[in-house]
Amino acid sequence: MANAKDRSRLGSILDREFNEYVDALVEAGHDWEAVWATAAWPPDTPLRWLHGRFLLARECAAGIGHWFSDEEIIQFGREHLAYREMFPNGPPRLTDD
């Protein structure tokens, strides 16, 4: 059984991979909520690659007991897009570099 640090790390990887996939779907003009789980992208395309990375991360996380339902994952995607809308130039910084 994995420890809490491993579960947290895999959760972070799952979140990152899904966010990249959602961003690519939105940029390509797709309704991401309708296609993220069922789309069959053509081979050798960025969407197929991102979808595969997300599915692999989800499977690895589930393998150690870090499972999220489709509804939870959709909510994560909505939160990610809302965050991007609030901070279009990236995460806020505490310093003025």
C-alpha atoms as a PDB file:
ATOM      1  CA  MET A   1       0.000   0.000   0.000  1.00  0.00           C
ATOM      2  CA  ALA A   2       1.327   3.435  -0.900  1.00  0.00           C
ATOM      3  CA  ASN A   3       1.887   6.075   1.693  1.00  0.00           C
ATOM      4  CA  ALA A   4       0.193   9.492   1.827  1.00  0.00           C
ATOM      5  CA  LYS A   5       3.090  11.178   0.009  1.00  0.00           C
ATOM      6  CA  ASP A   6       2.827   8.740  -2.920  1.00  0.00           C
ATOM      7  CA  ARG A   7      -0.949   9.197  -3.094  1.00  0.00           C
ATOM      8  CA  SER A   8      -0.541  12.964  -3.058  1.00  0.00           C
ATOM      9  CA  ARG A   9       2.100  12.850  -5.777  1.00  0.00           C
ATOM     10  CA  LEU A  10      -0.048  10.655  -8.034  1.00  0.00           C
ATOM     11  CA  GLY A  11      -3.052  12.898  -7.394  1.00  0.00           C
ATOM     12  CA  SER A  12      -0.965  15.891  -8.473  1.00  0.00           C
ATOM     13  CA  ILE A  13       0.185  14.075 -11.612  1.00  0.00           C
ATOM     14  CA  LEU A  14      -3.401  13.102 -12.436  1.00  0.00           C
ATOM     15  CA  ASP A  15      -4.526  16.710 -11.953  1.00  0.00           C
ATOM     16  CA  ARG A  16      -1.700  18.076 -14.130  1.00  0.00           C
ATOM     17  CA  GLU A  17      -2.298  15.600 -16.949  1.00  0.00           C
ATOM     18  CA  PHE A  18      -6.046  16.216 -16.951  1.00  0.00           C
ATOM     19  CA  ASN A  19      -5.573  19.986 -16.942  1.00  0.00           C
ATOM     20  CA  GLU A  20      -3.287  19.764 -19.970  1.00  0.00           C
ATOM     21  CA  TYR A  21      -5.850  17.575 -21.740  1.00  0.00           C
ATOM     22  CA  VAL A  22      -8.711  19.976 -20.914  1.00  0.00           C
ATOM     23  CA  ASP A  23      -6.671  22.953 -22.120  1.00  0.00           C
ATOM     24  CA  ALA A  24      -5.950  21.204 -25.430  1.00  0.00           C
ATOM     25  CA  LEU A  25      -9.613  20.257 -25.905  1.00  0.00           C
ATOM     26  CA  VAL A  26     -10.751  23.834 -25.273  1.00  0.00           C
ATOM     27  CA  GLU A  27      -8.070  25.266 -27.576  1.00  0.00           C
ATOM     28  CA  ALA A  28      -9.168  22.840 -30.313  1.00  0.00           C
ATOM     29  CA  GLY A  29     -12.766  24.052 -29.960  1.00  0.00           C
ATOM     30  CA  HIS A  30     -14.250  20.900 -28.428  1.00  0.00           C
ATOM     31  CA  ASP A  31     -16.904  20.738 -25.729  1.00  0.00           C
ATOM     32  CA  TRP A  32     -14.471  19.159 -23.284  1.00  0.00           C
ATOM     33  CA  GLU A  33     -17.158  17.943 -20.857  1.00  0.00           C
ATOM     34  CA  ALA A  34     -18.831  15.971 -23.644  1.00  0.00           C
ATOM     35  CA  VAL A  35     -15.737  14.392 -25.194  1.00  0.00           C
ATOM     36  CA  TRP A  36     -12.996  14.044 -22.561  1.00  0.00           C
ATOM     37  CA  ALA A  37     -13.816  10.477 -21.521  1.00  0.00           C
ATOM     38  CA  THR A  38     -15.087   8.922 -24.731  1.00  0.00           C
ATOM     39  CA  ALA A  39     -13.264  10.548 -27.607  1.00  0.00           C
ATOM     40  CA  ALA A  40     -11.225   8.321 -29.901  1.00  0.00           C
ATOM     41  CA  TRP A  41      -8.597  10.630 -31.362  1.00  0.00           C
ATOM     42  CA  PRO A  42      -6.670   9.745 -34.523  1.00  0.00           C
ATOM     43  CA  PRO A  43      -3.270   8.128 -33.951  1.00  0.00           C
ATOM     44  CA  ASP A  44      -0.217  10.373 -33.664  1.00  0.00           C
ATOM     45  CA  THR A  45      -2.190  13.469 -32.657  1.00  0.00           C
ATOM     46  CA  PRO A  46      -1.574  15.631 -29.598  1.00  0.00           C
ATOM     47  CA  LEU A  47      -5.092  14.985 -28.267  1.00  0.00           C
ATOM     48  CA  ARG A  48      -4.600  11.221 -28.439  1.00  0.00           C
ATOM     49  CA  TRP A  49      -1.268  11.556 -26.644  1.00  0.00           C
ATOM     50  CA  LEU A  50      -2.694  13.815 -23.911  1.00  0.00           C
ATOM     51  CA  HIS A  51      -5.741  11.570 -23.486  1.00  0.00           C
ATOM     52  CA  GLY A  52      -3.481   8.535 -23.103  1.00  0.00           C
ATOM     53  CA  ARG A  53      -1.275  10.291 -20.545  1.00  0.00           C
ATOM     54  CA  PHE A  54      -4.319  11.243 -18.504  1.00  0.00           C
ATOM     55  CA  LEU A  55      -5.740   7.700 -18.648  1.00  0.00           C
ATOM     56  CA  LEU A  56      -2.404   6.245 -17.552  1.00  0.00           C
ATOM     57  CA  ALA A  57      -2.154   8.695 -14.639  1.00  0.00           C
ATOM     58  CA  ARG A  58      -5.741   7.867 -13.629  1.00  0.00           C
ATOM     59  CA  GLU A  59      -5.048   4.140 -13.721  1.00  0.00           C
ATOM     60  CA  CYS A  60      -1.853   4.487 -11.666  1.00  0.00           C
ATOM     61  CA  ALA A  61      -3.594   6.638  -9.065  1.00  0.00           C
ATOM     62  CA  ALA A  62      -6.487   4.165  -8.837  1.00  0.00           C
ATOM     63  CA  GLY A  63      -3.992   1.334  -8.411  1.00  0.00           C
ATOM     64  CA  ILE A  64      -2.940   2.739  -5.056  1.00  0.00           C
ATOM     65  CA  GLY A  65      -6.426   3.703  -3.905  1.00  0.00           C
ATOM     66  CA  HIS A  66      -6.552   7.290  -5.179  1.00  0.00           C
ATOM     67  CA  TRP A  67      -9.733   6.968  -7.252  1.00  0.00           C
ATOM     68  CA  PHE A  68     -11.910   9.805  -8.577  1.00  0.00           C
ATOM     69  CA  SER A  69     -15.299   9.443 -10.237  1.00  0.00           C
ATOM     70  CA  ASP A  70     -16.001  10.994 -13.635  1.00  0.00           C
ATOM     71  CA  GLU A  71     -18.125  13.630 -11.910  1.00  0.00           C
ATOM     72  CA  GLU A  72     -15.240  14.599  -9.619  1.00  0.00           C
ATOM     73  CA  ILE A  73     -12.866  14.804 -12.566  1.00  0.00           C
ATOM     74  CA  ILE A  74     -15.309  17.029 -14.475  1.00  0.00           C
ATOM     75  CA  GLN A  75     -15.466  19.296 -11.427  1.00  0.00           C
ATOM     76  CA  PHE A  76     -11.657  19.452 -11.357  1.00  0.00           C
ATOM     77  CA  GLY A  77     -11.739  20.533 -15.013  1.00  0.00           C
ATOM     78  CA  ARG A  78     -14.305  23.239 -14.304  1.00  0.00           C
ATOM     79  CA  GLU A  79     -12.209  24.527 -11.403  1.00  0.00           C
ATOM     80  CA  HIS A  80      -9.090  24.542 -13.562  1.00  0.00           C
ATOM     81  CA  LEU A  81     -10.794  26.571 -16.294  1.00  0.00           C
ATOM     82  CA  ALA A  82     -12.252  28.992 -13.732  1.00  0.00           C
ATOM     83  CA  TYR A  83      -8.766  29.442 -12.250  1.00  0.00           C
ATOM     84  CA  ARG A  84      -7.314  30.087 -15.713  1.00  0.00           C
ATOM     85  CA  GLU A  85     -10.012  32.678 -16.336  1.00  0.00           C
ATOM     86  CA  MET A  86      -9.241  34.432 -13.048  1.00  0.00           C
ATOM     87  CA  PHE A  87      -5.479  34.373 -13.691  1.00  0.00           C
ATOM     88  CA  PRO A  88      -4.908  34.418 -17.482  1.00  0.00           C
ATOM     89  CA  ASN A  89      -1.237  35.332 -17.038  1.00  0.00           C
ATOM     90  CA  GLY A  90      -0.537  32.382 -14.775  1.00  0.00           C
ATOM     91  CA  PRO A  91      -0.550  31.958 -11.013  1.00  0.00           C
ATOM     92  CA  PRO A  92      -0.260  35.148  -8.961  1.00  0.00           C
ATOM     93  CA  ARG A  93       3.107  35.914  -7.380  1.00  0.00           C
ATOM     94  CA  LEU A  94       3.948  37.417  -4.043  1.00  0.00           C
ATOM     95  CA  THR A  95       6.849  39.394  -5.508  1.00  0.00           C
ATOM     96  CA  ASP A  96       7.171  41.787  -8.447  1.00  0.00           C
ATOM     97  CA  ASP A  97      10.002  40.036 -10.299  1.00  0.00           C
END
